[in-house]
Amino acid sequence: MNTSMKLYHRLVKADRSGQDPTAQQATARNALRQVAANSLQEIGDQVVNAKTVLPWLFASLGVPPVLIGLLVPIRESGSMLPQAALTPMIRRMPRRRTAWVAGAMGQALATAAMAFAAAGLSGTAAGLVILGALTVFALSRSLCSLAGKDVMGRSVPKGERGQISGISTVLSGAVAVTLGLGIRLLGGDEVSSTVLAALLGAAALAWTLAAAVFAGIREPADADAGTNADVHADADVGPQTGDGRGGWLRSSWRLLSDDAPFRHFVLARTLLLVSALSPPFVVALAARAGGVGLDGLGPFVLAQGLASLVGGRWFGSLADRSSKRLMVGGAAFASMLVLLFLAALAVPGMRAQWWLYPLVYLLLVLTHTAVRVARKTYVVDMAEGDRRTEYVAVANTAMGMLLLVVGGVSGALAALGTEVALAFLALLGLAGVQVSRRLPEVSHHG
């Protein structure tokens, strides 16, 4: 047994009694490369983070608040919107790793463009260039999201894929915690364009290395259509109907028009964006109150990592009991938290209390973890088989469009003041609570 197999067998537990030793060796090699590539990608993700680093970067460069409000919508919708349309193209590729490598290089180039903007621009010009690069980044991420799960399905057997994803999730949280501590301990009171550019440049290098590692994966030549169908169902990426030239769009519109319960869910999901869109505004307020030194950014990156490490398994268990109750409770908590935060800011002297901002941010990202897990579980539980795949894909596509709308409105309101945008999102969340309460219970343990 070689070193890669020994390491893989320690990390991933499975019944391998019926597996050929040669196949086991190939699985170990491919899976470890996927873990390594995903880990490098996570390093970059923690730097190009639309909820922590990028809002801080915008504040340091003097970017108007209206553009800060567009960071999360562009990052999230850009990675969701094209997935259904890209699925037919990915299916036609004999080697899906090529799409992942292309996506990783697209993210590397987009991040490099952000680094140049951080080094040489400021104000509105810097914000527009970075938002444009973030759009390219998000679209490239769609390729990685689609192809990565496809490659895993081809190269890692059932019963081991979930553990690979779990390892990557834990590593993501660990990377964020390490980066947050490093920034907190090593960052100074001031932040220069050189430091910001260096961080983004390092992230671009991480994606370049990730592409090189992933390119070494060997997909089996006999990957069959059944495996691919399973993977696309796992990936939750798009309706499996249509001819790839607009059929997916027609079927998506038909589903939203004809299926009232599903349409109700999409509406509720849109109104529950308070926990997703509020964090960047909290970070921007913190930067304005305490200065934009890197030591102030560290606690927010650390909070993001802690939320990933702590929230996932706990909220997953709660979602299995009742995804509806978790979704409603999470949105209600996030809305009330934002309103309490705004009330606290109105108290004389509270804006100077530095601890307030990381605490609110941590609670918001934890709550967002709960809402995200709950809504994913709900849509999976509300349908079966191919209908489930279609539900998730159409929900993602519709959500991508609506996210841009809500993000645009909150960003425009931020021009009147960041607090105005936060108040709007809190009220939107409370409306979402009322809509979500009317959803049917679909959990098996409800």
Protein backbone atom coordinates (compact mmCIF):
# COMPACT_ATOMS: atom_id res chain seq x y z
CA MET A 1 0.00 0.00 0.00
CA ASN A 2 1.55 3.31 -1.09
CA THR A 3 1.57 6.57 0.88
CA SER A 4 -1.47 8.10 -0.85
CA MET A 5 -3.59 5.03 -0.17
CA LYS A 6 -2.55 4.95 3.49
CA LEU A 7 -3.42 8.62 3.92
CA TYR A 8 -6.72 8.28 2.09
CA HIS A 9 -7.77 5.23 4.08
CA ARG A 10 -7.12 7.13 7.29
CA LEU A 11 -9.19 10.10 6.16
CA VAL A 12 -12.09 8.25 4.50
CA LYS A 13 -13.79 5.21 5.98
CA ALA A 14 -15.62 2.86 3.61
CA ASP A 15 -16.20 -0.80 2.84
CA ARG A 16 -13.51 -1.61 0.29
CA SER A 17 -13.74 -5.39 0.50
CA GLY A 18 -15.06 -5.68 -3.05
CA GLN A 19 -12.80 -3.07 -4.62
CA ASP A 20 -9.86 -3.91 -6.84
CA PRO A 21 -6.51 -2.73 -5.36
CA THR A 22 -5.67 -0.90 -8.57
CA ALA A 23 -9.02 0.89 -8.46
CA GLN A 24 -8.45 1.79 -4.80
CA GLN A 25 -5.11 3.32 -5.68
CA ALA A 26 -6.67 5.38 -8.47
CA THR A 27 -9.46 6.52 -6.15
CA ALA A 28 -6.99 7.58 -3.46
CA ARG A 29 -4.86 9.51 -5.92
CA ASN A 30 -7.80 11.31 -7.51
CA ALA A 31 -9.58 12.06 -4.23
CA LEU A 32 -6.49 13.49 -2.55
CA ARG A 33 -5.93 15.74 -5.54
CA GLN A 34 -9.51 16.96 -5.25
CA VAL A 35 -9.04 17.67 -1.54
CA ALA A 36 -5.78 19.53 -2.25
CA ALA A 37 -7.30 21.55 -5.11
CA ASN A 38 -10.38 22.43 -3.07
CA SER A 39 -8.20 23.46 -0.13
CA LEU A 40 -6.18 25.80 -2.36
CA GLN A 41 -9.45 27.17 -3.70
CA GLU A 42 -10.67 27.79 -0.16
CA ILE A 43 -7.51 29.78 0.60
CA GLY A 44 -8.38 32.07 -2.29
CA ASP A 45 -12.04 32.20 -1.27
CA GLN A 46 -11.19 33.58 2.16
CA VAL A 47 -9.40 36.50 0.52
CA VAL A 48 -11.96 37.13 -2.24
CA ASN A 49 -14.79 37.04 0.29
CA ALA A 50 -17.77 39.25 -0.53
CA LYS A 51 -18.81 39.44 3.14
CA THR A 52 -15.49 40.21 4.83
CA VAL A 53 -12.38 41.14 2.88
CA LEU A 54 -13.98 42.83 -0.13
CA PRO A 55 -16.22 45.17 1.94
CA TRP A 56 -13.15 46.07 3.99
CA LEU A 57 -11.21 46.66 0.79
CA PHE A 58 -13.98 48.89 -0.54
CA ALA A 59 -14.01 50.91 2.67
CA SER A 60 -10.24 51.37 2.55
CA LEU A 61 -10.36 52.50 -1.10
CA GLY A 62 -13.22 54.94 -0.50
CA VAL A 63 -15.72 53.08 -2.67
CA PRO A 64 -19.31 54.44 -2.33
CA PRO A 65 -21.69 52.36 -0.13
CA VAL A 66 -24.03 51.79 -3.09
CA LEU A 67 -21.38 49.54 -4.66
CA ILE A 68 -20.72 47.68 -1.40
CA GLY A 69 -24.32 46.50 -1.52
CA LEU A 70 -23.68 44.77 -4.85
CA LEU A 71 -20.81 42.54 -3.68
CA VAL A 72 -22.83 39.58 -2.38
CA PRO A 73 -25.53 39.70 -5.12
CA ILE A 74 -22.91 39.65 -7.90
CA ARG A 75 -20.84 36.94 -6.20
CA GLU A 76 -23.81 34.67 -5.49
CA SER A 77 -26.03 35.28 -8.51
CA GLY A 78 -23.13 35.09 -10.94
CA SER A 79 -22.35 31.57 -9.79
CA MET A 80 -26.01 30.46 -9.82
CA LEU A 81 -27.55 32.03 -12.93
CA PRO A 82 -25.58 30.25 -15.67
CA GLN A 83 -25.61 26.76 -14.16
CA ALA A 84 -28.70 25.44 -15.92
CA ALA A 85 -27.52 26.80 -19.27
CA LEU A 86 -23.98 25.43 -18.85
CA THR A 87 -25.08 21.90 -17.95
CA PRO A 88 -25.52 20.67 -21.58
CA MET A 89 -22.06 21.96 -22.47
CA ILE A 90 -20.44 20.20 -19.51
CA ARG A 91 -22.24 16.97 -20.41
CA ARG A 92 -20.72 16.99 -23.89
CA MET A 93 -17.16 17.21 -22.55
CA PRO A 94 -15.41 13.81 -22.44
CA ARG A 95 -13.09 15.05 -19.66
CA ARG A 96 -14.88 17.25 -17.15
CA ARG A 97 -11.70 18.20 -15.29
CA THR A 98 -10.93 20.56 -18.19
CA ALA A 99 -13.94 22.69 -17.26
CA TRP A 100 -12.83 22.84 -13.62
CA VAL A 101 -9.32 23.90 -14.63
CA ALA A 102 -10.76 26.59 -16.91
CA GLY A 103 -12.95 27.85 -14.09
CA ALA A 104 -10.02 27.95 -11.67
CA MET A 105 -7.89 29.92 -14.12
CA GLY A 106 -10.78 32.33 -14.71
CA GLN A 107 -10.95 32.94 -10.96
CA ALA A 108 -7.17 33.42 -10.83
CA LEU A 109 -7.24 36.03 -13.61
CA ALA A 110 -10.23 37.83 -12.08
CA THR A 111 -8.49 37.96 -8.69
CA ALA A 112 -5.33 39.30 -10.32
CA ALA A 113 -7.42 42.08 -11.86
CA MET A 114 -8.73 42.94 -8.38
CA ALA A 115 -5.14 43.09 -7.14
CA PHE A 116 -4.22 45.60 -9.85
CA ALA A 117 -7.28 47.69 -9.01
CA ALA A 118 -6.38 47.67 -5.32
CA ALA A 119 -2.84 48.80 -6.13
CA GLY A 120 -3.62 51.54 -8.62
CA LEU A 121 -7.20 52.79 -8.26
CA SER A 122 -9.50 54.27 -5.63
CA GLY A 123 -13.07 55.45 -5.17
CA THR A 124 -15.76 54.65 -7.72
CA ALA A 125 -13.27 53.55 -10.39
CA ALA A 126 -11.78 50.92 -8.09
CA GLY A 127 -15.24 49.71 -7.09
CA LEU A 128 -16.45 49.32 -10.67
CA VAL A 129 -13.32 47.46 -11.80
CA ILE A 130 -13.46 45.10 -8.82
CA LEU A 131 -17.19 44.44 -9.35
CA GLY A 132 -16.49 43.67 -13.00
CA ALA A 133 -13.72 41.27 -12.02
CA LEU A 134 -16.01 39.73 -9.40
CA THR A 135 -18.58 39.05 -12.14
CA VAL A 136 -15.97 37.14 -14.15
CA PHE A 137 -14.94 35.39 -10.95
CA ALA A 138 -18.48 34.24 -10.17
CA LEU A 139 -19.15 33.03 -13.72
CA SER A 140 -15.91 31.05 -13.63
CA ARG A 141 -16.97 29.59 -10.32
CA SER A 142 -20.04 28.12 -12.03
CA LEU A 143 -17.76 25.92 -14.14
CA CYS A 144 -15.95 24.66 -11.05
CA SER A 145 -19.23 24.02 -9.23
CA LEU A 146 -20.62 21.98 -12.10
CA ALA A 147 -17.51 20.11 -13.16
CA GLY A 148 -16.15 19.45 -9.68
CA LYS A 149 -19.09 17.32 -8.62
CA ASP A 150 -19.10 15.57 -11.98
CA VAL A 151 -15.42 14.65 -11.65
CA MET A 152 -15.99 13.42 -8.11
CA GLY A 153 -18.82 11.20 -9.30
CA ARG A 154 -16.60 9.73 -12.00
CA SER A 155 -13.51 9.20 -9.86
CA VAL A 156 -14.77 8.52 -6.30
CA PRO A 157 -17.28 5.73 -5.53
CA LYS A 158 -20.54 6.22 -3.66
CA GLY A 159 -20.15 6.03 0.09
CA GLU A 160 -16.95 8.09 0.01
CA ARG A 161 -18.03 11.28 -1.76
CA GLY A 162 -19.77 12.83 1.24
CA GLN A 163 -16.69 12.35 3.40
CA ILE A 164 -14.57 14.10 0.78
CA SER A 165 -16.98 17.04 0.82
CA GLY A 166 -16.96 17.03 4.62
CA ILE A 167 -13.16 17.15 4.73
CA SER A 168 -13.19 20.10 2.34
CA THR A 169 -15.77 21.92 4.51
CA VAL A 170 -13.70 21.45 7.66
CA LEU A 171 -10.58 22.63 5.83
CA SER A 172 -12.50 25.69 4.66
CA GLY A 173 -13.30 26.65 8.24
CA ALA A 174 -9.75 25.90 9.36
CA VAL A 175 -8.29 28.07 6.60
CA ALA A 176 -10.57 30.96 7.54
CA VAL A 177 -9.70 30.67 11.24
CA THR A 178 -5.96 30.56 10.46
CA LEU A 179 -6.18 33.51 8.07
CA GLY A 180 -8.27 35.49 10.55
CA LEU A 181 -5.81 34.90 13.38
CA GLY A 182 -2.88 35.76 11.12
CA ILE A 183 -4.46 39.01 9.98
CA ARG A 184 -5.41 39.90 13.56
CA LEU A 185 -1.94 39.22 14.96
CA LEU A 186 0.21 40.49 12.09
CA GLY A 187 -1.95 43.24 10.65
CA GLY A 188 -1.14 46.81 11.49
CA ASP A 189 -3.22 49.86 12.30
CA GLU A 190 -3.01 51.03 8.71
CA VAL A 191 -3.59 49.21 5.44
CA SER A 192 -1.88 50.15 2.18
CA SER A 193 -2.74 49.33 -1.40
CA THR A 194 0.45 47.26 -1.51
CA VAL A 195 -0.76 44.97 1.29
CA LEU A 196 -4.19 44.59 -0.29
CA ALA A 197 -2.69 43.84 -3.69
CA ALA A 198 -0.33 41.28 -2.15
CA LEU A 199 -3.21 39.43 -0.46
CA LEU A 200 -5.17 39.29 -3.70
CA GLY A 201 -2.08 38.27 -5.64
CA ALA A 202 -1.52 35.38 -3.24
CA ALA A 203 -5.15 34.31 -3.76
CA ALA A 204 -4.66 34.35 -7.54
CA LEU A 205 -1.59 32.15 -7.10
CA ALA A 206 -3.61 29.72 -4.96
CA TRP A 207 -6.14 29.24 -7.78
CA THR A 208 -3.35 28.75 -10.31
CA LEU A 209 -1.87 26.00 -8.14
CA ALA A 210 -5.34 24.50 -7.65
CA ALA A 211 -5.77 24.29 -11.43
CA ALA A 212 -2.40 22.54 -11.77
CA VAL A 213 -3.30 20.00 -9.07
CA PHE A 214 -6.78 19.30 -10.46
CA ALA A 215 -5.42 18.83 -13.98
CA GLY A 216 -3.62 15.73 -12.72
CA ILE A 217 -6.86 13.89 -11.92
CA ARG A 218 -7.49 10.89 -14.16
CA GLU A 219 -11.14 10.33 -15.00
CA PRO A 220 -11.96 6.72 -15.93
CA ALA A 221 -12.59 6.16 -19.63
CA ASP A 222 -15.70 4.09 -18.96
CA ALA A 223 -17.64 6.72 -17.00
CA ASP A 224 -21.23 6.00 -17.98
CA ALA A 225 -24.32 8.12 -18.40
CA GLY A 226 -25.84 6.81 -15.19
CA THR A 227 -22.96 8.14 -13.16
CA ASN A 228 -23.25 11.51 -14.80
CA ALA A 229 -26.96 11.69 -14.11
CA ASP A 230 -26.34 10.90 -10.46
CA VAL A 231 -23.74 13.61 -10.23
CA HIS A 232 -25.92 16.25 -11.78
CA ALA A 233 -28.67 15.32 -9.36
CA ASP A 234 -26.20 15.66 -6.49
CA ALA A 235 -24.91 18.93 -7.87
CA ASP A 236 -28.39 20.48 -7.92
CA VAL A 237 -27.48 22.29 -11.10
CA GLY A 238 -30.21 22.34 -13.65
CA PRO A 239 -33.28 20.95 -15.26
CA GLN A 240 -32.47 17.86 -17.22
CA THR A 241 -34.95 18.83 -19.90
CA GLY A 242 -34.58 20.99 -22.96
CA ASP A 243 -32.20 21.03 -25.85
CA GLY A 244 -29.54 23.27 -24.32
CA ARG A 245 -30.62 26.24 -26.48
CA GLY A 246 -33.33 27.67 -24.30
CA GLY A 247 -35.37 24.57 -23.42
CA TRP A 248 -34.15 24.88 -19.85
CA LEU A 249 -35.46 28.45 -19.71
CA ARG A 250 -38.90 27.49 -20.99
CA SER A 251 -39.19 24.57 -18.59
CA SER A 252 -38.07 26.76 -15.68
CA TRP A 253 -40.72 29.38 -16.43
CA ARG A 254 -43.39 26.70 -16.82
CA LEU A 255 -42.51 25.21 -13.43
CA LEU A 256 -42.75 28.58 -11.68
CA SER A 257 -46.03 29.36 -13.42
CA ASP A 258 -47.77 26.05 -12.79
CA ASP A 259 -46.47 24.93 -9.39
CA ALA A 260 -47.92 27.24 -6.73
CA PRO A 261 -46.23 25.62 -3.67
CA PHE A 262 -42.85 25.83 -5.38
CA ARG A 263 -43.46 29.43 -6.41
CA HIS A 264 -44.36 30.18 -2.79
CA PHE A 265 -41.05 28.67 -1.68
CA VAL A 266 -39.06 30.78 -4.17
CA LEU A 267 -40.83 33.93 -2.90
CA ALA A 268 -40.06 33.00 0.71
CA ARG A 269 -36.44 32.31 -0.15
CA THR A 270 -36.12 35.74 -1.75
CA LEU A 271 -37.52 37.48 1.31
CA LEU A 272 -35.11 35.61 3.59
CA LEU A 273 -32.03 37.36 2.22
CA VAL A 274 -31.48 39.41 5.37
CA SER A 275 -28.80 37.06 6.72
CA ALA A 276 -27.04 36.88 3.34
CA LEU A 277 -26.93 40.58 2.45
CA SER A 278 -26.52 42.23 5.86
CA PRO A 279 -22.96 41.11 6.80
CA PRO A 280 -21.07 43.28 4.26
CA PHE A 281 -22.83 46.38 5.61
CA VAL A 282 -21.82 45.45 9.17
CA VAL A 283 -18.20 45.10 8.02
CA ALA A 284 -18.33 48.45 6.23
CA LEU A 285 -19.70 50.16 9.36
CA ALA A 286 -16.93 48.58 11.43
CA ALA A 287 -14.27 49.84 9.04
CA ARG A 288 -15.75 53.31 9.19
CA ALA A 289 -15.90 53.27 13.00
CA GLY A 290 -12.51 51.75 13.81
CA GLY A 291 -10.32 52.49 10.82
CA VAL A 292 -9.34 50.16 7.99
CA GLY A 293 -6.20 48.62 9.48
CA LEU A 294 -5.78 44.92 8.79
CA ASP A 295 -5.86 44.08 12.50
CA GLY A 296 -9.53 45.11 12.49
CA LEU A 297 -10.36 42.81 9.58
CA GLY A 298 -9.03 39.68 11.31
CA PRO A 299 -11.97 39.13 13.72
CA PHE A 300 -14.45 39.08 10.82
CA VAL A 301 -12.49 36.48 8.85
CA LEU A 302 -12.14 34.48 12.07
CA ALA A 303 -15.90 34.70 12.68
CA GLN A 304 -16.57 33.42 9.15
CA GLY A 305 -14.40 30.37 9.81
CA LEU A 306 -15.95 29.65 13.19
CA ALA A 307 -19.41 29.74 11.65
CA SER A 308 -18.39 27.10 9.09
CA LEU A 309 -16.77 24.89 11.72
CA VAL A 310 -19.55 25.13 14.29
CA GLY A 311 -22.79 25.57 12.40
CA GLY A 312 -22.89 22.95 9.67
CA ARG A 313 -23.52 19.68 11.51
CA TRP A 314 -25.66 21.21 14.24
CA PHE A 315 -28.01 23.02 11.90
CA GLY A 316 -28.10 20.01 9.59
CA SER A 317 -29.56 17.93 12.39
CA LEU A 318 -32.15 20.61 13.18
CA ALA A 319 -33.10 20.86 9.49
CA ASP A 320 -33.80 17.14 9.37
CA ARG A 321 -36.31 17.57 12.19
CA SER A 322 -38.05 20.55 10.57
CA SER A 323 -36.42 22.57 7.82
CA LYS A 324 -39.40 24.94 7.80
CA ARG A 325 -39.09 25.81 11.50
CA LEU A 326 -35.33 26.32 11.18
CA MET A 327 -35.82 28.55 8.14
CA VAL A 328 -38.47 30.66 9.87
CA GLY A 329 -36.57 30.85 13.16
CA GLY A 330 -33.29 31.76 11.49
CA ALA A 331 -34.81 34.56 9.44
CA ALA A 332 -36.68 35.94 12.46
CA PHE A 333 -33.50 35.93 14.55
CA ALA A 334 -31.46 37.62 11.81
CA SER A 335 -34.08 40.35 11.32
CA MET A 336 -34.37 41.08 15.04
CA LEU A 337 -30.58 41.03 15.40
CA VAL A 338 -30.18 43.66 12.68
CA LEU A 339 -32.87 45.85 14.29
CA LEU A 340 -31.21 45.52 17.70
CA PHE A 341 -27.85 46.36 16.11
CA LEU A 342 -29.30 49.53 14.59
CA ALA A 343 -30.85 50.44 17.94
CA ALA A 344 -27.48 49.94 19.64
CA LEU A 345 -25.77 52.20 17.10
CA ALA A 346 -28.25 54.94 18.02
CA VAL A 347 -27.03 54.89 21.64
CA PRO A 348 -24.34 57.53 22.25
CA GLY A 349 -20.87 55.98 22.40
CA MET A 350 -21.87 52.55 21.08
CA ARG A 351 -20.44 53.11 17.61
CA ALA A 352 -16.99 53.26 19.18
CA GLN A 353 -17.43 49.88 20.90
CA TRP A 354 -15.35 47.69 18.59
CA TRP A 355 -16.56 44.36 20.02
CA LEU A 356 -20.11 45.05 18.82
CA TYR A 357 -19.38 44.65 15.12
CA PRO A 358 -17.59 41.24 15.11
CA LEU A 359 -20.20 39.88 17.55
CA VAL A 360 -23.11 40.90 15.34
CA TYR A 361 -21.27 39.60 12.28
CA LEU A 362 -20.62 36.21 13.91
CA LEU A 363 -24.28 35.84 14.90
CA LEU A 364 -25.40 36.86 11.40
CA VAL A 365 -23.16 34.37 9.56
CA LEU A 366 -24.14 31.62 12.00
CA THR A 367 -27.79 32.41 11.36
CA HIS A 368 -27.16 32.47 7.61
CA THR A 369 -25.65 28.99 7.90
CA ALA A 370 -28.89 27.85 9.54
CA VAL A 371 -31.12 29.48 6.92
CA ARG A 372 -29.01 28.14 4.03
CA VAL A 373 -29.03 24.58 5.38
CA ALA A 374 -32.77 24.81 6.08
CA ARG A 375 -33.76 26.06 2.63
CA LYS A 376 -31.56 23.47 0.88
CA THR A 377 -33.08 20.71 2.98
CA TYR A 378 -36.60 22.01 2.40
CA VAL A 379 -36.37 22.07 -1.39
CA VAL A 380 -34.82 18.59 -1.44
CA ASP A 381 -37.55 17.23 0.84
CA MET A 382 -40.46 18.78 -1.04
CA ALA A 383 -40.00 16.68 -4.21
CA GLU A 384 -38.71 13.30 -5.35
CA GLY A 385 -36.48 12.01 -8.16
CA ASP A 386 -36.06 14.15 -11.28
CA ARG A 387 -38.58 16.65 -9.92
CA ARG A 388 -36.22 17.32 -7.02
CA THR A 389 -33.34 18.14 -9.38
CA GLU A 390 -35.57 20.47 -11.37
CA TYR A 391 -36.84 22.20 -8.24
CA VAL A 392 -33.33 22.94 -6.99
CA ALA A 393 -32.06 24.09 -10.36
CA VAL A 394 -34.98 26.41 -11.08
CA ALA A 395 -34.86 27.77 -7.52
CA ASN A 396 -31.16 28.57 -7.96
CA THR A 397 -31.68 30.26 -11.32
CA ALA A 398 -34.66 32.30 -10.10
CA MET A 399 -32.79 33.16 -6.94
CA GLY A 400 -29.84 34.44 -8.94
CA MET A 401 -32.10 36.90 -10.75
CA LEU A 402 -33.98 38.01 -7.65
CA LEU A 403 -30.77 38.38 -5.68
CA LEU A 404 -29.57 40.99 -8.15
CA VAL A 405 -32.84 42.89 -7.76
CA VAL A 406 -32.85 42.87 -3.95
CA GLY A 407 -29.13 43.62 -3.86
CA GLY A 408 -29.61 46.53 -6.23
CA VAL A 409 -32.38 47.99 -4.06
CA SER A 410 -30.40 47.61 -0.83
CA GLY A 411 -27.34 49.06 -2.53
CA ALA A 412 -29.32 52.06 -3.74
CA LEU A 413 -30.72 52.60 -0.25
CA ALA A 414 -27.15 52.47 1.10
CA ALA A 415 -26.57 55.75 -0.74
CA LEU A 416 -28.92 57.27 1.86
CA GLY A 417 -26.95 55.59 4.62
CA THR A 418 -25.78 52.07 5.43
CA GLU A 419 -28.25 51.94 8.30
CA VAL A 420 -31.13 52.53 5.86
CA ALA A 421 -30.09 49.51 3.81
CA LEU A 422 -29.86 47.35 6.95
CA ALA A 423 -33.32 48.47 8.07
CA PHE A 424 -34.74 47.55 4.66
CA LEU A 425 -33.19 44.07 4.82
CA ALA A 426 -34.50 43.52 8.36
CA LEU A 427 -38.05 44.44 7.32
CA LEU A 428 -37.73 42.22 4.25
CA GLY A 429 -36.71 39.36 6.53
CA LEU A 430 -39.72 39.87 8.78
CA ALA A 431 -41.97 39.72 5.72
CA GLY A 432 -40.19 36.51 4.74
CA VAL A 433 -40.95 35.03 8.14
CA GLN A 434 -44.67 35.55 7.59
CA VAL A 435 -44.54 34.04 4.10
CA SER A 436 -42.43 31.08 5.25
CA ARG A 437 -44.81 30.27 8.08
CA ARG A 438 -47.46 29.44 5.45
CA LEU A 439 -45.24 26.89 3.72
CA PRO A 440 -46.27 23.25 4.22
CA GLU A 441 -44.18 21.06 6.53
CA VAL A 442 -42.17 18.61 4.42
CA SER A 443 -39.63 17.16 6.87
CA HIS A 444 -40.00 13.50 7.74
CA HIS A 445 -39.59 14.29 11.43
CA GLY A 446 -41.74 17.39 11.48
